[in-house]
Amino acid sequence: MKLNIRKKDMVLVLSGRDKGKRGEVLRIASPGPDGQARLIVSKVNILTSHEKPRQAEPGGIQKREGPIPASNVMLLCPKCDKPSRPKSDKLGTGERVRVCRKCGEVIL
């Protein structure tokens, strides 16, 4: 399956405990055991881990973002600020771009 979401895109979470939250894609993680692509989104799916103190680090409770399945998010158009499933289009130069289906704006 082709992934239409890239790093630094703004996305809306569609399902799960963080439903309705918006965030920026920090990185695309490796697929999970089910073979589905996963994303790390800022301020979504916050996990806590208890770290033991080391020589350089003090330890304690650390908070970080966990991966969420790519099927649970939808790309937000930067112009109309609505979630949309982008379509692929060719420019006159032959370059492929993503286009918002709602407003027709090119998504970079």
C-alpha atoms as a PDB file:
ATOM      1  CA  MET A   1       0.000   0.000   0.000  1.00  0.00           C
ATOM      2  CA  LYS A   2       1.296   3.452  -0.946  1.00  0.00           C
ATOM      3  CA  LEU A   3       1.506   5.883   1.951  1.00  0.00           C
ATOM      4  CA  ASN A   4       0.236   9.380   1.090  1.00  0.00           C
ATOM      5  CA  ILE A   5       1.548  10.898   4.316  1.00  0.00           C
ATOM      6  CA  ARG A   6       5.075  12.250   4.632  1.00  0.00           C
ATOM      7  CA  LYS A   7       7.281  13.633   7.367  1.00  0.00           C
ATOM      8  CA  LYS A   8       6.284  17.154   8.588  1.00  0.00           C
ATOM      9  CA  ASP A   9       2.675  16.765   7.358  1.00  0.00           C
ATOM     10  CA  MET A  10      -0.158  17.811   9.676  1.00  0.00           C
ATOM     11  CA  VAL A  11      -2.568  14.954  10.363  1.00  0.00           C
ATOM     12  CA  LEU A  12      -5.847  14.384  12.221  1.00  0.00           C
ATOM     13  CA  VAL A  13      -6.293  11.236  14.334  1.00  0.00           C
ATOM     14  CA  LEU A  14      -9.467   9.389  13.271  1.00  0.00           C
ATOM     15  CA  SER A  15      -9.696   6.625  15.862  1.00  0.00           C
ATOM     16  CA  GLY A  16      -8.322   5.501  19.185  1.00  0.00           C
ATOM     17  CA  ARG A  17      -8.035   7.235  22.532  1.00  0.00           C
ATOM     18  CA  ASP A  18      -6.513  10.344  20.894  1.00  0.00           C
ATOM     19  CA  LYS A  19      -9.358  10.724  18.366  1.00  0.00           C
ATOM     20  CA  GLY A  20      -9.735  14.319  17.159  1.00  0.00           C
ATOM     21  CA  LYS A  21      -6.188  15.404  18.013  1.00  0.00           C
ATOM     22  CA  ARG A  22      -3.987  17.080  15.434  1.00  0.00           C
ATOM     23  CA  GLY A  23      -0.232  16.815  15.178  1.00  0.00           C
ATOM     24  CA  GLU A  24       2.798  16.882  12.936  1.00  0.00           C
ATOM     25  CA  VAL A  25       4.325  13.654  11.655  1.00  0.00           C
ATOM     26  CA  LEU A  26       7.769  13.395  13.253  1.00  0.00           C
ATOM     27  CA  ARG A  27       8.834  10.212  11.498  1.00  0.00           C
ATOM     28  CA  ILE A  28       7.539   7.138   9.743  1.00  0.00           C
ATOM     29  CA  ALA A  29       8.265   4.098  11.886  1.00  0.00           C
ATOM     30  CA  SER A  30       8.849   0.550  10.716  1.00  0.00           C
ATOM     31  CA  PRO A  31       5.731  -1.574  10.142  1.00  0.00           C
ATOM     32  CA  GLY A  32       4.273  -3.439  13.093  1.00  0.00           C
ATOM     33  CA  PRO A  33       3.689  -7.181  13.383  1.00  0.00           C
ATOM     34  CA  ASP A  34       0.578  -6.876  11.204  1.00  0.00           C
ATOM     35  CA  GLY A  35       2.606  -5.340   8.350  1.00  0.00           C
ATOM     36  CA  GLN A  36       0.798  -1.991   8.609  1.00  0.00           C
ATOM     37  CA  ALA A  37       2.807   1.265   8.321  1.00  0.00           C
ATOM     38  CA  ARG A  38       3.099   3.249  11.555  1.00  0.00           C
ATOM     39  CA  LEU A  39       3.681   6.938  12.236  1.00  0.00           C
ATOM     40  CA  ILE A  40       5.118   8.909  15.134  1.00  0.00           C
ATOM     41  CA  VAL A  41       2.923  12.016  15.548  1.00  0.00           C
ATOM     42  CA  SER A  42       3.770  14.867  17.934  1.00  0.00           C
ATOM     43  CA  LYS A  43       1.647  15.059  21.115  1.00  0.00           C
ATOM     44  CA  VAL A  44      -0.346  11.925  20.164  1.00  0.00           C
ATOM     45  CA  ASN A  45      -0.210   8.476  21.840  1.00  0.00           C
ATOM     46  CA  ILE A  46       1.992   9.633  24.737  1.00  0.00           C
ATOM     47  CA  LEU A  47       3.705   6.708  26.478  1.00  0.00           C
ATOM     48  CA  THR A  48       5.466   6.786  29.822  1.00  0.00           C
ATOM     49  CA  SER A  49       8.573   4.762  30.520  1.00  0.00           C
ATOM     50  CA  HIS A  50      10.372   4.428  33.834  1.00  0.00           C
ATOM     51  CA  GLU A  51      14.082   4.913  33.174  1.00  0.00           C
ATOM     52  CA  LYS A  52      16.797   3.718  35.494  1.00  0.00           C
ATOM     53  CA  PRO A  53      19.457   6.328  36.342  1.00  0.00           C
ATOM     54  CA  ARG A  54      22.646   6.041  34.275  1.00  0.00           C
ATOM     55  CA  GLN A  55      25.951   7.894  34.453  1.00  0.00           C
ATOM     56  CA  ALA A  56      24.888  10.609  32.010  1.00  0.00           C
ATOM     57  CA  GLU A  57      21.111  10.628  32.627  1.00  0.00           C
ATOM     58  CA  PRO A  58      19.223  11.124  35.896  1.00  0.00           C
ATOM     59  CA  GLY A  59      16.418   8.635  35.164  1.00  0.00           C
ATOM     60  CA  GLY A  60      12.799   8.960  36.291  1.00  0.00           C
ATOM     61  CA  ILE A  61       9.546   8.933  34.358  1.00  0.00           C
ATOM     62  CA  GLN A  62      10.050   9.833  30.690  1.00  0.00           C
ATOM     63  CA  LYS A  63       7.224  10.731  28.308  1.00  0.00           C
ATOM     64  CA  ARG A  64       7.485  10.068  24.563  1.00  0.00           C
ATOM     65  CA  GLU A  65       5.270   9.581  21.515  1.00  0.00           C
ATOM     66  CA  GLY A  66       4.408   6.049  20.498  1.00  0.00           C
ATOM     67  CA  PRO A  67       3.673   4.773  16.999  1.00  0.00           C
ATOM     68  CA  ILE A  68       0.112   4.738  15.649  1.00  0.00           C
ATOM     69  CA  PRO A  69      -1.139   2.923  12.531  1.00  0.00           C
ATOM     70  CA  ALA A  70      -1.184   5.042   9.367  1.00  0.00           C
ATOM     71  CA  SER A  71      -4.794   3.983   8.718  1.00  0.00           C
ATOM     72  CA  ASN A  72      -5.879   5.826  11.890  1.00  0.00           C
ATOM     73  CA  VAL A  73      -4.817   9.272  10.607  1.00  0.00           C
ATOM     74  CA  MET A  74      -5.825  11.510   7.719  1.00  0.00           C
ATOM     75  CA  LEU A  75      -3.850  14.288   6.064  1.00  0.00           C
ATOM     76  CA  LEU A  76      -4.933  17.884   6.826  1.00  0.00           C
ATOM     77  CA  CYS A  77      -4.929  20.328   3.918  1.00  0.00           C
ATOM     78  CA  PRO A  78      -2.799  23.379   4.845  1.00  0.00           C
ATOM     79  CA  LYS A  79      -5.123  25.775   2.965  1.00  0.00           C
ATOM     80  CA  CYS A  80      -8.675  24.676   3.873  1.00  0.00           C
ATOM     81  CA  ASP A  81      -7.629  23.004   7.188  1.00  0.00           C
ATOM     82  CA  LYS A  82      -9.905  20.011   6.508  1.00  0.00           C
ATOM     83  CA  PRO A  83      -8.966  16.328   6.479  1.00  0.00           C
ATOM     84  CA  SER A  84      -8.772  14.994   2.962  1.00  0.00           C
ATOM     85  CA  ARG A  85      -7.557  11.985   1.057  1.00  0.00           C
ATOM     86  CA  PRO A  86      -5.158  13.545  -1.459  1.00  0.00           C
ATOM     87  CA  LYS A  87      -5.155  12.631  -5.107  1.00  0.00           C
ATOM     88  CA  SER A  88      -2.058  12.407  -7.258  1.00  0.00           C
ATOM     89  CA  ASP A  89      -1.729  14.807 -10.176  1.00  0.00           C
ATOM     90  CA  LYS A  90       0.921  15.719 -12.739  1.00  0.00           C
ATOM     91  CA  LEU A  91       2.122  19.272 -13.310  1.00  0.00           C
ATOM     92  CA  GLY A  92       3.096  20.605 -16.724  1.00  0.00           C
ATOM     93  CA  THR A  93       6.730  19.788 -15.962  1.00  0.00           C
ATOM     94  CA  GLY A  94       5.842  16.124 -15.413  1.00  0.00           C
ATOM     95  CA  GLU A  95       6.349  16.329 -11.634  1.00  0.00           C
ATOM     96  CA  ARG A  96       3.868  14.369  -9.479  1.00  0.00           C
ATOM     97  CA  VAL A  97       2.188  16.305  -6.659  1.00  0.00           C
ATOM     98  CA  ARG A  98      -0.501  15.664  -4.050  1.00  0.00           C
ATOM     99  CA  VAL A  99      -3.704  17.676  -4.487  1.00  0.00           C
ATOM    100  CA  CYS A 100      -6.481  18.282  -1.929  1.00  0.00           C
ATOM    101  CA  ARG A 101      -9.791  16.853  -3.138  1.00  0.00           C
ATOM    102  CA  LYS A 102     -11.809  19.507  -1.281  1.00  0.00           C
ATOM    103  CA  CYS A 103     -10.152  22.787  -2.371  1.00  0.00           C
ATOM    104  CA  GLY A 104      -7.878  21.685  -5.245  1.00  0.00           C
ATOM    105  CA  GLU A 105      -4.756  23.169  -3.642  1.00  0.00           C
ATOM    106  CA  VAL A 106      -1.351  21.505  -4.165  1.00  0.00           C
ATOM    107  CA  ILE A 107      -0.044  19.960  -0.937  1.00  0.00           C
ATOM    108  CA  LEU A 108       3.741  20.209  -0.676  1.00  0.00           C
END
